[in-house]
Amino acid sequence: MVADAKILSIRRCATARLSEEAKRIVSATTPAFVATASKNGRPNVSPKGSFKVIDDEHVAFAEIASPNTIANIRENPQVEVLVFNPDTWGGCRIRGRAEILESGDLVESFRAQFAPMKMRVRSVVKIAVEEVVMMPPMKAGSKK
């Protein structure tokens, strides 16, 4: 933290749909950090470089090497995603219910995206958005 940084006021707005601002932040920020917990409450946080917006009510990521994330979602589908820009300290949190897809158009689109990189997409995690909390920039001099 910069010693002379002025902390800006916090403006939080929670919705159940992705606003245009939230979609822009998700598209411009990588990786996103997906938090899950087992049925016993054991947490797991995993960075997801494939995280993207599907529509106003859904986001998704490719499961490439995330056995703990997948195991937790099988036991407890509630997830939270932190999309955080380290340059501004702003971003958004997305809370929702995850489902694991092993076939279909969405899975095939992720497989096609990662095939040139020789990365195998085992499944896709699609998240139904239940809440979006916007986190405005906190660093002095950052633009909203």
Protein backbone atom coordinates (compact mmCIF):
# COMPACT_ATOMS: atom_id res chain seq x y z
CA MET A 1 0.00 0.00 0.00
CA VAL A 2 1.28 3.45 -0.87
CA ALA A 3 1.86 5.41 2.35
CA ASP A 4 0.28 8.62 1.08
CA ALA A 5 -2.61 6.90 -0.72
CA LYS A 6 -5.96 8.47 -0.04
CA ILE A 7 -8.65 5.87 0.53
CA LEU A 8 -11.68 6.54 -1.60
CA SER A 9 -15.20 6.03 -0.28
CA ILE A 10 -16.66 2.56 -0.75
CA ARG A 11 -19.70 2.25 -2.99
CA ARG A 12 -21.25 -1.19 -3.00
CA CYS A 13 -24.11 -2.27 -5.19
CA ALA A 14 -25.48 -5.81 -5.07
CA THR A 15 -27.60 -7.25 -7.88
CA ALA A 16 -28.51 -10.69 -9.24
CA ARG A 17 -27.52 -9.80 -12.80
CA LEU A 18 -24.24 -8.73 -14.29
CA SER A 19 -24.25 -5.04 -15.07
CA GLU A 20 -22.41 -3.73 -18.12
CA GLU A 21 -19.71 -2.47 -15.72
CA ALA A 22 -19.33 -5.92 -14.13
CA LYS A 23 -19.13 -7.57 -17.56
CA ARG A 24 -16.46 -5.07 -18.62
CA ILE A 25 -14.42 -5.76 -15.47
CA VAL A 26 -14.64 -9.55 -15.95
CA SER A 27 -13.57 -9.23 -19.60
CA ALA A 28 -10.62 -6.98 -18.75
CA THR A 29 -9.29 -8.81 -15.68
CA THR A 30 -7.44 -12.10 -15.48
CA PRO A 31 -7.23 -14.29 -13.59
CA ALA A 32 -10.40 -14.40 -11.52
CA PHE A 33 -10.20 -16.22 -8.19
CA VAL A 34 -12.87 -18.86 -7.52
CA ALA A 35 -13.58 -19.78 -3.91
CA THR A 36 -15.34 -23.03 -3.04
CA ALA A 37 -15.87 -25.03 0.14
CA SER A 38 -16.45 -28.72 0.77
CA LYS A 39 -19.58 -29.90 2.58
CA ASN A 40 -17.46 -29.81 5.77
CA GLY A 41 -16.41 -26.21 5.13
CA ARG A 42 -12.84 -26.83 3.93
CA PRO A 43 -12.08 -23.88 1.61
CA ASN A 44 -10.28 -23.80 -1.70
CA VAL A 45 -9.34 -20.77 -3.82
CA SER A 46 -8.13 -21.25 -7.37
CA PRO A 47 -7.14 -18.75 -10.09
CA LYS A 48 -9.08 -19.11 -13.35
CA GLY A 49 -7.60 -17.58 -16.48
CA SER A 50 -10.52 -18.88 -18.53
CA PHE A 51 -13.22 -17.09 -16.49
CA LYS A 52 -15.70 -15.26 -18.72
CA VAL A 53 -19.21 -13.89 -19.03
CA ILE A 54 -21.76 -16.11 -20.79
CA ASP A 55 -24.78 -13.78 -20.48
CA ASP A 56 -26.34 -11.35 -17.97
CA GLU A 57 -27.01 -14.17 -15.51
CA HIS A 58 -24.14 -16.64 -16.05
CA VAL A 59 -20.35 -16.81 -15.95
CA ALA A 60 -18.16 -19.85 -16.59
CA PHE A 61 -14.64 -21.23 -16.57
CA ALA A 62 -12.85 -24.23 -18.03
CA GLU A 63 -11.80 -27.03 -15.70
CA ILE A 64 -8.28 -27.85 -16.82
CA ALA A 65 -6.41 -28.77 -13.63
CA SER A 66 -8.70 -28.09 -10.68
CA PRO A 67 -9.47 -31.31 -8.81
CA ASN A 68 -10.12 -29.57 -5.47
CA THR A 69 -12.44 -27.00 -7.04
CA ILE A 70 -14.45 -29.69 -8.82
CA ALA A 71 -14.61 -31.93 -5.73
CA ASN A 72 -15.91 -29.03 -3.64
CA ILE A 73 -18.53 -28.04 -6.22
CA ARG A 74 -19.79 -31.63 -6.34
CA GLU A 75 -20.34 -31.45 -2.56
CA ASN A 76 -21.38 -27.81 -2.30
CA PRO A 77 -22.32 -25.83 -5.44
CA GLN A 78 -22.17 -22.39 -3.77
CA VAL A 79 -19.19 -20.40 -5.05
CA GLU A 80 -17.80 -16.90 -4.88
CA VAL A 81 -15.57 -15.35 -7.51
CA LEU A 82 -13.28 -12.40 -6.89
CA VAL A 83 -12.44 -10.38 -9.98
CA PHE A 84 -9.76 -7.98 -8.73
CA ASN A 85 -7.67 -5.41 -10.57
CA PRO A 86 -4.38 -4.98 -8.64
CA ASP A 87 -3.70 -1.66 -10.38
CA THR A 88 -6.85 0.00 -9.04
CA TRP A 89 -7.82 -2.31 -6.14
CA GLY A 90 -11.30 -2.37 -7.66
CA GLY A 91 -13.37 -5.11 -9.20
CA CYS A 92 -16.36 -7.22 -8.28
CA ARG A 93 -17.44 -10.27 -6.34
CA ILE A 94 -19.82 -12.72 -7.96
CA ARG A 95 -21.71 -15.21 -5.82
CA GLY A 96 -23.73 -18.02 -7.29
CA ARG A 97 -24.55 -21.66 -7.79
CA ALA A 98 -22.19 -23.73 -9.93
CA GLU A 99 -22.92 -26.68 -12.16
CA ILE A 100 -20.38 -28.92 -13.86
CA LEU A 101 -20.95 -29.45 -17.59
CA GLU A 102 -19.20 -32.29 -19.40
CA SER A 103 -20.78 -31.87 -22.83
CA GLY A 104 -22.66 -29.38 -24.95
CA ASP A 105 -21.98 -26.22 -26.95
CA LEU A 106 -20.38 -24.30 -24.08
CA VAL A 107 -17.95 -27.14 -23.32
CA GLU A 108 -17.06 -27.48 -27.00
CA SER A 109 -16.41 -23.73 -27.29
CA PHE A 110 -13.95 -23.85 -24.36
CA ARG A 111 -12.28 -26.96 -25.81
CA ALA A 112 -11.83 -25.19 -29.15
CA GLN A 113 -10.39 -22.13 -27.38
CA PHE A 114 -7.77 -24.14 -25.47
CA ALA A 115 -6.91 -26.81 -28.07
CA PRO A 116 -4.29 -24.62 -29.84
CA MET A 117 -2.48 -24.30 -26.48
CA LYS A 118 -2.52 -28.10 -26.08
CA MET A 119 -4.65 -27.73 -22.95
CA ARG A 120 -7.34 -30.34 -22.29
CA VAL A 121 -10.65 -29.01 -21.01
CA ARG A 122 -12.18 -31.78 -18.90
CA SER A 123 -15.40 -29.92 -18.11
CA VAL A 124 -16.81 -26.41 -17.76
CA VAL A 125 -18.16 -24.88 -14.59
CA LYS A 126 -21.15 -22.66 -15.31
CA ILE A 127 -22.26 -20.35 -12.51
CA ALA A 128 -25.78 -18.96 -12.18
CA VAL A 129 -25.27 -15.47 -10.75
CA GLU A 130 -27.11 -14.86 -7.49
CA GLU A 131 -25.36 -11.68 -6.37
CA VAL A 132 -22.84 -9.22 -7.77
CA VAL A 133 -21.06 -6.80 -5.46
CA MET A 134 -19.16 -4.02 -7.19
CA MET A 135 -15.92 -2.89 -5.57
CA PRO A 136 -14.95 0.59 -6.76
CA PRO A 137 -11.29 1.50 -7.18
CA MET A 138 -9.58 2.10 -3.83
CA LYS A 139 -6.19 3.43 -4.91
CA ALA A 140 -5.76 7.18 -5.03
CA GLY A 141 -5.75 8.42 -8.61
CA SER A 142 -7.62 5.39 -9.94
CA LYS A 143 -10.48 6.04 -12.32
CA LYS A 144 -13.88 4.50 -11.70
